[in-house]
Amino acid sequence: MEEAGQARQESVGLIEQRSRRHNKRSEGKTKLTSRTVAFNKPYGVLPCFTDEQGRPTLTDYVKIPEVYAAGRLDRDSEGLMVLTSDGVLAHHITDPQHKLPKVYLAQVERIPNEDALDQLRLGVLLNGKRTRPAKVQLLSEAPSLPDRPVPIRFRKSVPTAWVQITLREGLNRQVRRMTAAVGHPTVRLIRISMGPILLGDLQSGQWREVTAQEMKELGMIQ
């Protein structure tokens, strides 16, 4: 929870302050004068730029001034993060009213049956509130992914399966909490897309500029 709070403190509020200096507006649309990048966050990296305990952060990989994380991805998770100096874009990505789809690959303990998958699709109760409906697909085979630097602690007697989950909200550690709630704890989690922005073949620890086409599909430029 401390990590999530630290990431939230650094995100939208600070982006909006810097956005006024870096962005030009035209009829509510964002011109490409800000910096927005897609980053493949490695396992074990905090989703923020500073840490008093000296743990790995985004600063170790992204040397671009004035950008901050639009949304969270906890330390134990991997994959796509969007880093931006554009406060309007950050709000668009993180505001649940926009319902921007975010797609995850989750490796879970045991093989979920249709009942468990349907529970995830319809929504599960987290802290007394039901999550929004989600798209959930049990993958027939494991995706082709590089090994994680820190090995996953498998229980030899417990099989695992891969599930693709698409969410349109962003609760703290939502995928992990949802799969645990239906009896299938997540052992590895990777985000592969945020709206039109795809992780693609971006290697762990690398970043790229978000393209004009991706910004257009987000509705941020004309």
Protein backbone atom coordinates (compact mmCIF):
# COMPACT_ATOMS: atom_id res chain seq x y z
CA MET A 1 0.00 0.00 0.00
CA GLU A 2 2.92 2.34 0.73
CA GLU A 3 4.23 1.79 -2.81
CA ALA A 4 0.83 2.55 -4.36
CA GLY A 5 0.46 5.71 -2.30
CA GLN A 6 3.93 6.89 -3.28
CA ALA A 7 3.14 6.33 -6.94
CA ARG A 8 -0.16 8.19 -6.68
CA GLN A 9 1.53 11.19 -5.07
CA GLU A 10 3.90 11.48 -8.00
CA SER A 11 1.38 10.98 -10.79
CA VAL A 12 -1.50 13.12 -11.93
CA GLY A 13 -1.10 16.12 -9.62
CA LEU A 14 2.54 16.72 -10.52
CA ILE A 15 1.90 16.03 -14.18
CA GLU A 16 -0.80 18.69 -14.28
CA GLN A 17 1.55 21.27 -12.74
CA ARG A 18 4.20 20.60 -15.38
CA SER A 19 1.66 20.27 -18.16
CA ARG A 20 0.94 24.00 -18.02
CA ARG A 21 4.56 24.70 -18.93
CA HIS A 22 4.96 22.04 -21.59
CA ASN A 23 1.67 21.74 -23.48
CA LYS A 24 -0.14 23.98 -25.92
CA ARG A 25 -3.88 23.49 -26.27
CA SER A 26 -6.11 23.83 -29.29
CA GLU A 27 -9.85 23.35 -28.79
CA GLY A 28 -9.28 20.86 -26.01
CA LYS A 29 -6.88 18.71 -28.02
CA THR A 30 -3.24 18.13 -27.14
CA LYS A 31 -0.56 19.15 -29.57
CA LEU A 32 2.56 17.03 -29.61
CA THR A 33 4.73 19.40 -27.55
CA SER A 34 4.72 17.17 -24.45
CA ARG A 35 6.59 13.90 -23.93
CA THR A 36 4.71 10.64 -23.64
CA VAL A 37 6.45 7.27 -23.68
CA ALA A 38 5.52 3.62 -23.33
CA PHE A 39 7.74 1.75 -20.87
CA ASN A 40 8.08 -1.98 -20.22
CA LYS A 41 8.47 -2.07 -16.46
CA PRO A 42 10.59 -4.95 -15.20
CA TYR A 43 9.67 -7.06 -12.20
CA GLY A 44 10.83 -5.54 -8.90
CA VAL A 45 10.81 -1.90 -10.09
CA LEU A 46 8.67 0.59 -8.17
CA PRO A 47 6.14 2.52 -10.32
CA CYS A 48 7.54 5.90 -9.20
CA PHE A 49 10.70 7.96 -9.66
CA THR A 50 11.99 8.20 -6.09
CA ASP A 51 12.31 5.83 -3.16
CA GLU A 52 13.78 6.66 0.23
CA GLN A 53 14.85 3.04 0.69
CA GLY A 54 16.97 3.03 -2.45
CA ARG A 55 14.98 0.35 -4.29
CA PRO A 56 14.88 0.29 -8.12
CA THR A 57 12.56 2.95 -9.57
CA LEU A 58 11.59 4.34 -12.96
CA THR A 59 14.54 6.74 -12.72
CA ASP A 60 16.91 3.82 -13.26
CA TYR A 61 15.44 3.27 -16.74
CA VAL A 62 13.81 6.48 -18.00
CA LYS A 63 16.01 9.60 -18.03
CA ILE A 64 13.37 12.00 -19.34
CA PRO A 65 12.70 15.05 -17.16
CA GLU A 66 9.18 16.11 -16.26
CA VAL A 67 7.39 12.82 -17.02
CA TYR A 68 5.40 10.90 -14.45
CA ALA A 69 3.43 7.66 -14.42
CA ALA A 70 -0.15 7.76 -15.69
CA GLY A 71 -1.55 4.95 -13.60
CA ARG A 72 -0.05 2.28 -11.38
CA LEU A 73 1.63 -1.08 -11.85
CA ASP A 74 2.80 -2.61 -8.59
CA ARG A 75 6.38 -3.62 -7.94
CA ASP A 76 5.75 -7.34 -8.41
CA SER A 77 4.03 -6.83 -11.78
CA GLU A 78 5.58 -6.29 -15.21
CA GLY A 79 4.73 -4.70 -18.51
CA LEU A 80 3.30 -1.54 -19.98
CA MET A 81 3.33 1.80 -18.23
CA VAL A 82 2.61 5.17 -19.85
CA LEU A 83 4.84 8.02 -18.66
CA THR A 84 3.85 11.53 -19.65
CA SER A 85 4.27 15.23 -18.96
CA ASP A 86 0.74 15.85 -20.24
CA GLY A 87 -1.76 16.21 -17.40
CA VAL A 88 -4.77 15.99 -19.71
CA LEU A 89 -3.56 12.67 -21.10
CA ALA A 90 -2.78 11.36 -17.61
CA HIS A 91 -6.32 12.21 -16.52
CA HIS A 92 -7.77 10.55 -19.63
CA ILE A 93 -5.86 7.34 -18.89
CA THR A 94 -6.54 7.18 -15.15
CA ASP A 95 -10.09 8.54 -14.90
CA PRO A 96 -12.45 5.52 -14.64
CA GLN A 97 -15.18 7.50 -16.41
CA HIS A 98 -13.25 7.11 -19.68
CA LYS A 99 -13.24 3.31 -19.22
CA LEU A 100 -9.95 2.92 -21.08
CA PRO A 101 -9.42 -0.84 -21.54
CA LYS A 102 -6.27 -2.28 -19.99
CA VAL A 103 -5.25 -5.83 -20.90
CA TYR A 104 -3.30 -8.15 -18.61
CA LEU A 105 -1.80 -11.62 -18.84
CA ALA A 106 -2.12 -13.37 -15.48
CA GLN A 107 -0.50 -16.66 -14.58
CA VAL A 108 -2.69 -18.17 -11.89
CA GLU A 109 -2.56 -21.18 -9.62
CA ARG A 110 -4.67 -24.13 -10.77
CA ILE A 111 -6.84 -24.29 -13.89
CA PRO A 112 -9.90 -22.02 -13.61
CA ASN A 113 -13.20 -23.64 -14.57
CA GLU A 114 -16.01 -21.80 -16.34
CA ASP A 115 -17.65 -20.89 -13.05
CA ALA A 116 -14.52 -19.09 -11.86
CA LEU A 117 -14.07 -17.39 -15.23
CA ASP A 118 -17.71 -16.25 -15.21
CA GLN A 119 -17.26 -14.79 -11.73
CA LEU A 120 -14.36 -12.72 -13.03
CA ARG A 121 -16.37 -11.66 -16.07
CA LEU A 122 -19.41 -10.57 -14.07
CA GLY A 123 -17.41 -8.90 -11.30
CA VAL A 124 -16.26 -9.96 -7.85
CA LEU A 125 -16.70 -8.31 -4.47
CA LEU A 126 -13.63 -6.41 -3.28
CA ASN A 127 -14.06 -4.63 0.04
CA GLY A 128 -17.82 -4.92 -0.30
CA LYS A 129 -17.99 -3.41 -3.80
CA ARG A 130 -18.40 -5.38 -7.01
CA THR A 131 -15.88 -4.80 -9.77
CA ARG A 132 -17.02 -3.82 -13.24
CA PRO A 133 -17.61 -6.58 -15.81
CA ALA A 134 -14.38 -7.75 -17.43
CA LYS A 135 -13.39 -9.66 -20.54
CA VAL A 136 -11.72 -12.90 -19.45
CA GLN A 137 -10.21 -15.64 -21.60
CA LEU A 138 -8.43 -18.82 -20.51
CA LEU A 139 -5.44 -19.24 -22.83
CA SER A 140 -4.92 -22.66 -24.37
CA GLU A 141 -1.15 -22.36 -24.06
CA ALA A 142 1.35 -20.21 -22.22
CA PRO A 143 2.33 -16.96 -23.99
CA SER A 144 5.88 -16.62 -25.25
CA LEU A 145 7.56 -14.51 -22.57
CA PRO A 146 11.10 -14.06 -21.26
CA ASP A 147 11.87 -15.63 -17.92
CA ARG A 148 11.43 -13.41 -14.91
CA PRO A 149 14.75 -12.40 -13.29
CA VAL A 150 13.46 -13.61 -9.92
CA PRO A 151 12.08 -17.15 -10.34
CA ILE A 152 8.42 -17.67 -9.57
CA ARG A 153 7.81 -19.78 -6.49
CA PHE A 154 5.86 -22.69 -7.91
CA ARG A 155 4.24 -25.35 -5.79
CA LYS A 156 5.11 -28.58 -7.56
CA SER A 157 1.76 -30.16 -6.78
CA VAL A 158 -0.22 -27.16 -8.09
CA PRO A 159 -0.57 -26.57 -11.86
CA THR A 160 -0.82 -23.07 -13.31
CA ALA A 161 -2.72 -21.51 -16.20
CA TRP A 162 -2.63 -18.24 -18.12
CA VAL A 163 -5.66 -15.96 -18.28
CA GLN A 164 -6.08 -12.78 -20.35
CA ILE A 165 -8.11 -10.16 -18.50
CA THR A 166 -9.36 -6.82 -19.85
CA LEU A 167 -10.39 -4.24 -17.26
CA ARG A 168 -12.00 -0.82 -17.61
CA GLU A 169 -11.22 0.39 -14.11
CA GLY A 170 -8.02 0.68 -12.10
CA LEU A 171 -8.38 -0.43 -8.50
CA ASN A 172 -5.24 -1.07 -6.50
CA ARG A 173 -3.81 -4.54 -7.31
CA GLN A 174 -7.14 -5.33 -8.92
CA VAL A 175 -6.22 -8.36 -11.05
CA ARG A 176 -4.41 -10.06 -8.17
CA ARG A 177 -7.29 -9.42 -5.78
CA MET A 178 -9.89 -10.61 -8.30
CA THR A 179 -8.17 -13.89 -9.13
CA ALA A 180 -7.50 -14.57 -5.45
CA ALA A 181 -11.18 -13.94 -4.69
CA VAL A 182 -12.20 -16.78 -7.02
CA GLY A 183 -9.57 -19.17 -5.67
CA HIS A 184 -6.80 -18.70 -8.24
CA PRO A 185 -3.99 -16.51 -6.85
CA THR A 186 -1.87 -14.74 -9.46
CA VAL A 187 1.80 -15.74 -9.50
CA ARG A 188 2.88 -13.58 -12.45
CA LEU A 189 1.19 -10.51 -13.96
CA ILE A 190 2.02 -8.58 -17.13
CA ARG A 191 0.12 -5.63 -18.62
CA ILE A 192 0.22 -5.75 -22.41
CA SER A 193 -1.92 -2.78 -23.48
CA MET A 194 -3.58 0.44 -22.34
CA GLY A 195 -6.19 1.44 -24.90
CA PRO A 196 -4.47 1.69 -28.30
CA ILE A 197 -0.98 1.70 -26.73
CA LEU A 198 0.51 -1.79 -27.01
CA LEU A 199 3.50 -3.35 -25.29
CA GLY A 200 4.33 -5.24 -28.49
CA ASP A 201 7.94 -6.38 -28.73
CA LEU A 202 9.26 -3.70 -26.37
CA GLN A 203 11.88 -5.41 -24.22
CA SER A 204 11.87 -5.31 -20.43
CA GLY A 205 13.43 -2.06 -19.20
CA GLN A 206 13.09 -0.31 -22.57
CA TRP A 207 10.85 2.58 -23.60
CA ARG A 208 9.61 4.17 -26.81
CA GLU A 209 7.77 7.32 -27.79
CA VAL A 210 4.01 7.02 -28.02
CA THR A 211 3.11 7.59 -31.67
CA ALA A 212 0.89 10.30 -33.12
CA GLN A 213 -1.50 7.57 -34.30
CA GLU A 214 -1.81 6.19 -30.78
CA MET A 215 -2.48 9.69 -29.45
CA LYS A 216 -5.10 10.18 -32.14
CA GLU A 217 -6.82 6.92 -31.22
CA LEU A 218 -6.84 8.07 -27.61
CA GLY A 219 -8.67 11.19 -28.79
CA MET A 220 -5.86 13.49 -27.70
CA ILE A 221 -5.02 15.04 -31.08
CA GLN A 222 -6.99 15.75 -34.23
